[in-house]
Structure formats: C-alpha cells, structure tokens
Amino acid sequence: MRKLALLAAVVGGTLALAPTAYADPVQDPLPIGPNQFFQGQVKGLHSGATIYVVCPGPATPGQVGHPVSGQPVQVVQGIATTSGGYTGSLGRSVVADFSPPISSTTPERLTFSSYYAPQNLPTTFLLPCSGTVKIPFVPLPTSPTAVTDYVAVTYVNIAV
C-alpha cells in the first residue's frame, strides 16, 4: 500500500508539472543564411505594431523623439507561402532601417545575424512622433534574388 501511495504521488506530481513544460517554448537563435525566407517583426507583429515615442511639447510635422524602452524587434524564419522577405543567394544578415524620412546624420538601424534573437529599440534612436510607415528589413549582402520585407508600424507620441 505504501508503494502504491508513493507511486501515485510521483505520477501525480509528474502530471502536474507536464503542462508547464510546454507552456512557453523558447526558440533558440538560428543563423541567417542564403536562400531563406524571413519576416521582420516589431513587438511580435509583422503588421500593425505600435511604437511608443516620447515627443514633449506640441506636436509638429516632421518632429522626432526617442522610443520608450522595452520595444522588441526581431527576424523570424518565414515560409514561401507567407508575406515576407528572402535572403537571396548571398544574404547572411538582415538590417531593420528605422531612419526617419528626414535627413539624419546617424542611421537608425538594427542588424540581425540570427533568427529569434530580439533586440529592443534603443532609446537613443530618433523616430517620428506620429504616423504610419513601413519599416524595411533588408537582407545583406544583397543579391539579385534578395527580397526586402516591410513591416507596417504606427508611431504614437505618449507625451501628448
């Protein structure tokens, strides 16, 4: 009887732990290489992400400000039947270009050499205070077969 109670406790404890083992799978980073489909993501979304920016004072056209911390950007593997980009015959990295449409002395870019390796938008970036844009995720080095992916984002000024 004692062995049966012990066996029941062990099996019950194992079953109780089993669901949590699969609750939040973590994807290991994978190197980006040639001839691969990919998608850019901002805050886990390929389209419709909101980037929060701090722009004090009255909003003016062309105004830029700094993004709020903790807003992740990443590149994930894609499949041929979904929208996204293609690294082409030479691609080994993908660059997300957040540079505002106005001239900037410093490009606001993140470079990815692995899939599933998120980077937070640096709070030092200068980004538009409002508006909707498409952020290009460009495979590099480029080749005739490379295809850029675009992620639609909306900038929202939280200081208003």
N, C-alpha and C. Protein backbone atom coordinates (compact mmCIF):
# COMPACT_ATOMS: atom_id res chain seq x y z
N MET A 1 0.82 -1.19 0.00
CA MET A 1 0.00 0.00 0.00
C MET A 1 0.87 1.25 0.00
N ARG A 2 1.97 1.19 0.75
CA ARG A 2 2.87 2.32 0.83
C ARG A 2 3.49 2.62 -0.53
N LYS A 3 3.88 1.56 -1.26
CA LYS A 3 4.47 1.72 -2.58
C LYS A 3 3.46 2.33 -3.55
N LEU A 4 2.20 1.91 -3.42
CA LEU A 4 1.16 2.44 -4.30
C LEU A 4 0.94 3.93 -4.03
N ALA A 5 0.96 4.35 -2.77
CA ALA A 5 0.79 5.76 -2.43
C ALA A 5 1.96 6.58 -2.96
N LEU A 6 3.18 6.04 -2.83
CA LEU A 6 4.36 6.72 -3.33
C LEU A 6 4.30 6.85 -4.86
N LEU A 7 3.91 5.77 -5.54
CA LEU A 7 3.78 5.80 -6.99
C LEU A 7 2.72 6.81 -7.42
N ALA A 8 1.62 6.89 -6.73
CA ALA A 8 0.56 7.85 -7.05
C ALA A 8 1.06 9.28 -6.86
N ALA A 9 1.85 9.52 -5.82
CA ALA A 9 2.39 10.86 -5.58
C ALA A 9 3.37 11.26 -6.68
N VAL A 10 4.23 10.33 -7.09
CA VAL A 10 5.20 10.62 -8.14
C VAL A 10 4.50 10.87 -9.47
N VAL A 11 3.57 10.01 -9.85
CA VAL A 11 2.84 10.18 -11.12
C VAL A 11 2.01 11.45 -11.07
N GLY A 12 1.34 11.71 -9.97
CA GLY A 12 0.54 12.93 -9.85
C GLY A 12 1.40 14.17 -9.94
N GLY A 13 2.57 14.15 -9.30
CA GLY A 13 3.50 15.29 -9.37
C GLY A 13 4.03 15.47 -10.78
N THR A 14 4.33 14.38 -11.48
CA THR A 14 4.82 14.48 -12.85
C THR A 14 3.75 15.05 -13.77
N LEU A 15 2.53 14.59 -13.62
CA LEU A 15 1.44 15.10 -14.45
C LEU A 15 1.16 16.56 -14.16
N ALA A 16 1.31 16.95 -12.91
CA ALA A 16 1.07 18.34 -12.56
C ALA A 16 2.12 19.26 -13.20
N LEU A 17 3.34 18.76 -13.36
CA LEU A 17 4.40 19.56 -13.96
C LEU A 17 4.37 19.54 -15.48
N ALA A 18 3.82 18.53 -16.07
CA ALA A 18 3.87 18.35 -17.52
C ALA A 18 3.31 19.54 -18.31
N PRO A 19 2.15 20.10 -17.97
CA PRO A 19 1.62 21.21 -18.77
C PRO A 19 2.52 22.44 -18.77
N THR A 20 3.21 22.72 -17.66
CA THR A 20 4.05 23.90 -17.62
C THR A 20 5.30 23.73 -18.47
N ALA A 21 5.73 22.52 -18.72
CA ALA A 21 6.92 22.30 -19.53
C ALA A 21 6.71 22.77 -20.96
N TYR A 22 5.48 22.80 -21.44
CA TYR A 22 5.20 23.20 -22.81
C TYR A 22 4.50 24.55 -22.91
N ALA A 23 4.33 25.24 -21.80
CA ALA A 23 3.54 26.47 -21.79
C ALA A 23 4.21 27.61 -22.55
N ASP A 24 5.53 27.74 -22.46
CA ASP A 24 6.21 28.88 -23.07
C ASP A 24 7.49 28.42 -23.76
N PRO A 25 7.37 27.82 -24.94
CA PRO A 25 8.57 27.34 -25.60
C PRO A 25 9.44 28.51 -26.04
N VAL A 26 10.74 28.35 -25.89
CA VAL A 26 11.69 29.37 -26.29
C VAL A 26 12.43 28.86 -27.52
N GLN A 27 12.48 29.69 -28.55
CA GLN A 27 13.17 29.32 -29.78
C GLN A 27 14.63 29.75 -29.67
N ASP A 28 15.54 28.84 -29.91
CA ASP A 28 16.96 29.19 -29.93
C ASP A 28 17.26 30.01 -31.17
N PRO A 29 18.19 30.98 -31.05
CA PRO A 29 18.60 31.72 -32.25
C PRO A 29 19.18 30.78 -33.30
N LEU A 30 18.86 31.05 -34.56
CA LEU A 30 19.40 30.29 -35.68
C LEU A 30 20.10 31.26 -36.63
N PRO A 31 21.28 30.92 -37.13
CA PRO A 31 21.98 31.83 -38.03
C PRO A 31 21.17 32.09 -39.30
N ILE A 32 21.19 33.33 -39.74
CA ILE A 32 20.57 33.71 -41.01
C ILE A 32 21.54 33.32 -42.12
N GLY A 33 21.02 32.70 -43.16
CA GLY A 33 21.89 32.26 -44.26
C GLY A 33 21.25 32.53 -45.61
N PRO A 34 21.97 32.21 -46.67
CA PRO A 34 21.45 32.43 -48.03
C PRO A 34 20.22 31.59 -48.34
N ASN A 35 19.41 32.10 -49.26
CA ASN A 35 18.25 31.38 -49.80
C ASN A 35 17.24 30.96 -48.74
N GLN A 36 16.92 31.89 -47.83
CA GLN A 36 15.96 31.62 -46.77
C GLN A 36 14.86 32.68 -46.76
N PHE A 37 13.65 32.25 -46.48
CA PHE A 37 12.53 33.16 -46.31
C PHE A 37 12.55 33.67 -44.87
N PHE A 38 12.15 34.93 -44.69
CA PHE A 38 12.13 35.52 -43.35
C PHE A 38 11.02 36.55 -43.24
N GLN A 39 10.71 36.91 -42.00
CA GLN A 39 9.78 38.00 -41.71
C GLN A 39 10.37 38.87 -40.61
N GLY A 40 10.24 40.17 -40.79
CA GLY A 40 10.57 41.09 -39.72
C GLY A 40 9.39 41.19 -38.77
N GLN A 41 9.67 41.44 -37.51
CA GLN A 41 8.61 41.63 -36.52
C GLN A 41 8.97 42.77 -35.58
N VAL A 42 7.98 43.59 -35.28
CA VAL A 42 8.11 44.64 -34.29
C VAL A 42 7.09 44.34 -33.21
N LYS A 43 7.59 44.15 -32.00
CA LYS A 43 6.74 43.80 -30.86
C LYS A 43 5.92 42.55 -31.16
N GLY A 44 6.53 41.59 -31.87
CA GLY A 44 5.89 40.31 -32.17
C GLY A 44 4.91 40.34 -33.33
N LEU A 45 4.80 41.47 -34.03
CA LEU A 45 3.84 41.59 -35.13
C LEU A 45 4.55 41.88 -36.45
N HIS A 46 4.02 41.30 -37.52
CA HIS A 46 4.55 41.57 -38.85
C HIS A 46 3.86 42.77 -39.47
N SER A 47 2.72 43.14 -38.95
CA SER A 47 1.97 44.31 -39.44
C SER A 47 1.12 44.86 -38.30
N GLY A 48 1.01 46.18 -38.26
CA GLY A 48 0.12 46.79 -37.28
C GLY A 48 0.71 47.01 -35.90
N ALA A 49 2.02 46.97 -35.77
CA ALA A 49 2.64 47.22 -34.47
C ALA A 49 2.61 48.71 -34.14
N THR A 50 2.56 49.02 -32.87
CA THR A 50 2.61 50.40 -32.39
C THR A 50 3.94 50.61 -31.68
N ILE A 51 4.65 51.66 -32.11
CA ILE A 51 5.90 52.04 -31.44
C ILE A 51 5.61 53.31 -30.66
N TYR A 52 5.86 53.26 -29.35
CA TYR A 52 5.62 54.41 -28.50
C TYR A 52 6.87 55.29 -28.45
N VAL A 53 6.65 56.59 -28.66
CA VAL A 53 7.72 57.57 -28.74
C VAL A 53 7.41 58.71 -27.78
N VAL A 54 8.45 59.29 -27.17
CA VAL A 54 8.28 60.43 -26.29
C VAL A 54 8.71 61.69 -27.04
N CYS A 55 7.74 62.57 -27.28
CA CYS A 55 7.98 63.82 -28.00
C CYS A 55 7.34 64.96 -27.22
N PRO A 56 8.07 65.58 -26.30
CA PRO A 56 7.49 66.65 -25.49
C PRO A 56 7.10 67.86 -26.32
N GLY A 57 6.18 68.62 -25.79
CA GLY A 57 5.75 69.85 -26.45
C GLY A 57 4.68 69.60 -27.48
N PRO A 58 4.19 70.66 -28.08
CA PRO A 58 3.16 70.49 -29.11
C PRO A 58 3.71 69.72 -30.31
N ALA A 59 2.90 68.82 -30.84
CA ALA A 59 3.32 68.02 -31.99
C ALA A 59 3.40 68.90 -33.23
N THR A 60 4.47 68.71 -33.98
CA THR A 60 4.65 69.44 -35.23
C THR A 60 5.02 68.45 -36.33
N PRO A 61 4.67 68.75 -37.57
CA PRO A 61 5.03 67.84 -38.67
C PRO A 61 6.55 67.65 -38.74
N GLY A 62 6.97 66.42 -38.91
CA GLY A 62 8.39 66.11 -39.01
C GLY A 62 9.11 66.01 -37.69
N GLN A 63 8.41 66.19 -36.59
CA GLN A 63 9.02 66.11 -35.27
C GLN A 63 9.48 64.69 -34.97
N VAL A 64 10.62 64.57 -34.28
CA VAL A 64 11.13 63.26 -33.89
C VAL A 64 11.35 63.24 -32.38
N GLY A 65 11.34 62.02 -31.84
CA GLY A 65 11.57 61.83 -30.42
C GLY A 65 12.18 60.47 -30.18
N HIS A 66 12.37 60.14 -28.92
CA HIS A 66 13.01 58.88 -28.55
C HIS A 66 11.97 57.81 -28.21
N PRO A 67 12.22 56.57 -28.65
CA PRO A 67 11.27 55.49 -28.31
C PRO A 67 11.33 55.13 -26.84
N VAL A 68 10.21 54.69 -26.32
CA VAL A 68 10.13 54.17 -24.96
C VAL A 68 10.92 52.85 -24.92
N SER A 69 11.52 52.55 -23.81
CA SER A 69 12.32 51.32 -23.70
C SER A 69 11.43 50.07 -23.71
N GLY A 70 12.05 48.93 -24.03
CA GLY A 70 11.36 47.64 -23.97
C GLY A 70 10.48 47.32 -25.15
N GLN A 71 10.83 47.80 -26.35
CA GLN A 71 10.04 47.51 -27.55
C GLN A 71 10.89 46.63 -28.48
N PRO A 72 10.63 45.31 -28.49
CA PRO A 72 11.50 44.38 -29.21
C PRO A 72 11.24 44.33 -30.72
N VAL A 73 12.33 44.09 -31.43
CA VAL A 73 12.33 43.90 -32.88
C VAL A 73 13.10 42.60 -33.12
N GLN A 74 12.63 41.79 -34.08
CA GLN A 74 13.35 40.56 -34.39
C GLN A 74 13.07 40.12 -35.82
N VAL A 75 13.84 39.14 -36.26
CA VAL A 75 13.64 38.50 -37.55
C VAL A 75 13.35 37.03 -37.26
N VAL A 76 12.28 36.51 -37.88
CA VAL A 76 11.92 35.10 -37.71
C VAL A 76 11.95 34.42 -39.07
N GLN A 77 12.09 33.11 -39.05
CA GLN A 77 12.05 32.37 -40.30
C GLN A 77 10.65 32.43 -40.88
N GLY A 78 10.58 32.51 -42.20
CA GLY A 78 9.31 32.54 -42.89
C GLY A 78 9.16 31.32 -43.77
N ILE A 79 8.02 31.25 -44.43
CA ILE A 79 7.80 30.19 -45.41
C ILE A 79 7.37 30.84 -46.71
N ALA A 80 7.54 30.14 -47.79
CA ALA A 80 7.31 30.71 -49.12
C ALA A 80 5.86 31.16 -49.33
N THR A 81 4.92 30.59 -48.62
CA THR A 81 3.51 30.92 -48.85
C THR A 81 3.04 32.13 -48.05
N THR A 82 3.91 32.72 -47.21
CA THR A 82 3.51 33.89 -46.42
C THR A 82 4.24 35.12 -46.95
N SER A 83 3.74 36.28 -46.58
CA SER A 83 4.44 37.50 -46.99
C SER A 83 5.70 37.65 -46.17
N GLY A 84 6.68 38.23 -46.77
CA GLY A 84 7.95 38.42 -46.08
C GLY A 84 9.06 38.63 -47.08
N GLY A 85 10.28 38.44 -46.61
CA GLY A 85 11.45 38.65 -47.43
C GLY A 85 12.17 37.36 -47.75
N TYR A 86 13.23 37.51 -48.53
CA TYR A 86 14.05 36.37 -48.95
C TYR A 86 15.51 36.83 -48.92
N THR A 87 16.38 36.06 -48.28
CA THR A 87 17.77 36.49 -48.11
C THR A 87 18.55 36.49 -49.42
N GLY A 88 18.07 35.76 -50.41
CA GLY A 88 18.78 35.71 -51.68
C GLY A 88 20.03 34.84 -51.61
N SER A 89 20.77 34.84 -52.68
CA SER A 89 21.91 33.92 -52.79
C SER A 89 23.10 34.30 -51.91
N LEU A 90 23.13 35.53 -51.39
CA LEU A 90 24.28 35.96 -50.59
C LEU A 90 23.95 36.33 -49.14
N GLY A 91 22.68 36.52 -48.82
CA GLY A 91 22.27 37.08 -47.53
C GLY A 91 22.73 36.29 -46.32
N ARG A 92 23.32 36.98 -45.36
CA ARG A 92 23.74 36.38 -44.10
C ARG A 92 23.32 37.22 -42.90
N SER A 93 22.62 38.32 -43.18
CA SER A 93 22.09 39.17 -42.11
C SER A 93 20.90 39.95 -42.66
N VAL A 94 20.15 40.56 -41.75
CA VAL A 94 19.01 41.40 -42.13
C VAL A 94 19.12 42.68 -41.31
N VAL A 95 18.94 43.82 -41.98
CA VAL A 95 19.01 45.12 -41.33
C VAL A 95 17.62 45.74 -41.32
N ALA A 96 17.15 46.11 -40.13
CA ALA A 96 15.88 46.84 -39.98
C ALA A 96 16.22 48.32 -39.92
N ASP A 97 15.72 49.09 -40.90
CA ASP A 97 16.07 50.50 -41.02
C ASP A 97 14.93 51.38 -40.51
N PHE A 98 15.12 51.96 -39.33
CA PHE A 98 14.12 52.81 -38.69
C PHE A 98 14.40 54.29 -38.94
N SER A 99 15.34 54.61 -39.82
CA SER A 99 15.69 56.00 -40.08
C SER A 99 14.46 56.78 -40.52
N PRO A 100 14.23 57.94 -39.89
CA PRO A 100 13.07 58.73 -40.30
C PRO A 100 13.27 59.28 -41.72
N PRO A 101 12.18 59.64 -42.38
CA PRO A 101 12.28 60.12 -43.75
C PRO A 101 13.07 61.42 -43.89
N ILE A 102 13.20 62.18 -42.79
CA ILE A 102 14.02 63.39 -42.86
C ILE A 102 15.48 62.98 -42.81
N SER A 103 16.36 63.86 -43.27
CA SER A 103 17.78 63.50 -43.28
C SER A 103 18.28 63.34 -41.86
N SER A 104 19.04 62.30 -41.64
CA SER A 104 19.58 62.01 -40.32
C SER A 104 21.07 61.72 -40.48
N THR A 105 21.87 62.28 -39.60
CA THR A 105 23.31 62.05 -39.70
C THR A 105 23.67 60.63 -39.26
N THR A 106 22.86 60.05 -38.39
CA THR A 106 23.11 58.68 -37.93
C THR A 106 21.94 57.80 -38.33
N PRO A 107 22.21 56.77 -39.14
CA PRO A 107 21.11 55.85 -39.49
C PRO A 107 20.61 55.13 -38.24
N GLU A 108 19.31 54.97 -38.14
CA GLU A 108 18.68 54.29 -37.01
C GLU A 108 18.40 52.86 -37.45
N ARG A 109 19.39 51.97 -37.31
CA ARG A 109 19.28 50.61 -37.83
C ARG A 109 19.65 49.57 -36.79
N LEU A 110 19.00 48.41 -36.92
CA LEU A 110 19.35 47.23 -36.12
C LEU A 110 19.77 46.15 -37.10
N THR A 111 20.87 45.47 -36.79
CA THR A 111 21.37 44.40 -37.65
C THR A 111 21.19 43.06 -36.95
N PHE A 112 20.62 42.10 -37.68
CA PHE A 112 20.38 40.76 -37.16
C PHE A 112 21.19 39.74 -37.94
N SER A 113 21.91 38.89 -37.24
CA SER A 113 22.63 37.79 -37.89
C SER A 113 22.00 36.45 -37.55
N SER A 114 20.99 36.47 -36.67
CA SER A 114 20.28 35.25 -36.27
C SER A 114 18.78 35.50 -36.22
N TYR A 115 18.01 34.46 -36.52
CA TYR A 115 16.57 34.49 -36.32
C TYR A 115 16.29 34.31 -34.83
N TYR A 116 15.16 34.81 -34.37
CA TYR A 116 14.69 34.62 -32.99
C TYR A 116 15.68 35.18 -31.97
N ALA A 117 16.31 36.30 -32.30
CA ALA A 117 17.24 36.98 -31.39
C ALA A 117 16.80 38.44 -31.27
N PRO A 118 15.73 38.69 -30.48
CA PRO A 118 15.17 40.04 -30.42
C PRO A 118 16.15 41.06 -29.85
N GLN A 119 16.01 42.29 -30.37
CA GLN A 119 16.74 43.44 -29.86
C GLN A 119 15.70 44.52 -29.55
N ASN A 120 15.84 45.19 -28.42
CA ASN A 120 14.94 46.30 -28.11
C ASN A 120 15.37 47.53 -28.90
N LEU A 121 14.38 48.32 -29.33
CA LEU A 121 14.71 49.59 -29.98
C LEU A 121 15.53 50.42 -29.00
N PRO A 122 16.70 50.89 -29.40
CA PRO A 122 17.48 51.73 -28.49
C PRO A 122 16.74 53.04 -28.20
N THR A 123 16.77 53.48 -26.96
CA THR A 123 16.11 54.72 -26.59
C THR A 123 16.87 55.93 -27.12
N THR A 124 18.03 55.71 -27.70
CA THR A 124 18.79 56.80 -28.31
C THR A 124 18.34 57.09 -29.74
N PHE A 125 17.58 56.18 -30.34
CA PHE A 125 17.08 56.41 -31.70
C PHE A 125 16.21 57.66 -31.73
N LEU A 126 16.22 58.35 -32.85
CA LEU A 126 15.28 59.44 -33.10
C LEU A 126 14.29 58.96 -34.14
N LEU A 127 13.02 58.88 -33.74
CA LEU A 127 11.97 58.33 -34.58
C LEU A 127 10.84 59.34 -34.73
N PRO A 128 10.02 59.21 -35.78
CA PRO A 128 8.89 60.13 -35.94
C PRO A 128 7.96 60.07 -34.74
N CYS A 129 7.35 61.20 -34.43
CA CYS A 129 6.43 61.27 -33.29
C CYS A 129 5.04 60.73 -33.61
N SER A 130 4.71 60.64 -34.88
CA SER A 130 3.40 60.13 -35.25
C SER A 130 3.45 59.66 -36.70
N GLY A 131 2.39 58.95 -37.08
CA GLY A 131 2.28 58.49 -38.45
C GLY A 131 2.47 56.99 -38.59
N THR A 132 2.10 56.48 -39.75
CA THR A 132 2.25 55.06 -40.07
C THR A 132 3.25 54.94 -41.21
N VAL A 133 4.21 54.05 -41.04
CA VAL A 133 5.25 53.83 -42.04
C VAL A 133 5.50 52.34 -42.20
N LYS A 134 6.23 52.01 -43.24
CA LYS A 134 6.67 50.62 -43.45
C LYS A 134 8.17 50.57 -43.23
N ILE A 135 8.57 49.78 -42.25
CA ILE A 135 9.98 49.63 -41.91
C ILE A 135 10.58 48.55 -42.81
N PRO A 136 11.63 48.87 -43.59
CA PRO A 136 12.26 47.85 -44.43
C PRO A 136 13.20 46.96 -43.61
N PHE A 137 13.09 45.67 -43.84
CA PHE A 137 14.00 44.66 -43.30
C PHE A 137 14.78 44.14 -44.51
N VAL A 138 16.03 44.59 -44.66
CA VAL A 138 16.81 44.40 -45.87
C VAL A 138 17.85 43.29 -45.68
N PRO A 139 17.82 42.25 -46.55
CA PRO A 139 18.85 41.22 -46.45
C PRO A 139 20.18 41.74 -46.99
N LEU A 140 21.26 41.42 -46.27
CA LEU A 140 22.61 41.82 -46.69
C LEU A 140 23.58 40.67 -46.55
N PRO A 141 24.61 40.58 -47.39
CA PRO A 141 24.75 41.38 -48.60
C PRO A 141 23.62 41.08 -49.56
N THR A 142 23.35 42.07 -50.37
CA THR A 142 22.24 41.93 -51.30
C THR A 142 22.66 41.13 -52.53
N SER A 143 21.68 40.68 -53.25
CA SER A 143 21.90 39.94 -54.49
C SER A 143 20.67 40.14 -55.37
N PRO A 144 20.74 39.75 -56.63
CA PRO A 144 19.56 39.90 -57.49
C PRO A 144 18.34 39.11 -57.01
N THR A 145 18.56 38.08 -56.20
CA THR A 145 17.44 37.26 -55.73
C THR A 145 16.92 37.69 -54.35
N ALA A 146 17.57 38.67 -53.71
CA ALA A 146 17.16 39.12 -52.38
C ALA A 146 15.86 39.92 -52.47
N VAL A 147 14.99 39.75 -51.44
CA VAL A 147 13.72 40.47 -51.37
C VAL A 147 13.60 41.11 -49.98
N THR A 148 13.38 42.42 -49.96
CA THR A 148 13.20 43.15 -48.72
C THR A 148 11.80 42.90 -48.17
N ASP A 149 11.70 42.75 -46.85
CA ASP A 149 10.41 42.63 -46.18
C ASP A 149 10.06 44.00 -45.58
N TYR A 150 8.78 44.31 -45.51
CA TYR A 150 8.31 45.57 -44.94
C TYR A 150 7.33 45.29 -43.82
N VAL A 151 7.53 45.97 -42.69
CA VAL A 151 6.65 45.81 -41.53
C VAL A 151 5.98 47.15 -41.25
N ALA A 152 4.65 47.17 -41.32
CA ALA A 152 3.89 48.39 -41.07
C ALA A 152 3.83 48.67 -39.58
N VAL A 153 4.24 49.89 -39.19
CA VAL A 153 4.20 50.31 -37.79
C VAL A 153 3.53 51.69 -37.71
N THR A 154 2.95 51.96 -36.56
CA THR A 154 2.37 53.27 -36.29
C THR A 154 3.11 53.85 -35.10
N TYR A 155 3.62 55.06 -35.27
CA TYR A 155 4.28 55.78 -34.19
C TYR A 155 3.24 56.54 -33.38
N VAL A 156 3.31 56.42 -32.06
CA VAL A 156 2.37 57.09 -31.17
C VAL A 156 3.16 57.85 -30.12
N ASN A 157 2.89 59.14 -30.03
CA ASN A 157 3.54 60.00 -29.06
C ASN A 157 2.82 59.87 -27.72
N ILE A 158 3.53 59.38 -26.70
CA ILE A 158 2.88 59.19 -25.39
C ILE A 158 2.96 60.45 -24.53
N ALA A 159 3.66 61.49 -25.01
CA ALA A 159 3.81 62.71 -24.22
C ALA A 159 2.70 63.72 -24.52
N VAL A 160 1.76 63.36 -25.36
CA VAL A 160 0.68 64.29 -25.72
C VAL A 160 -0.46 64.14 -24.73
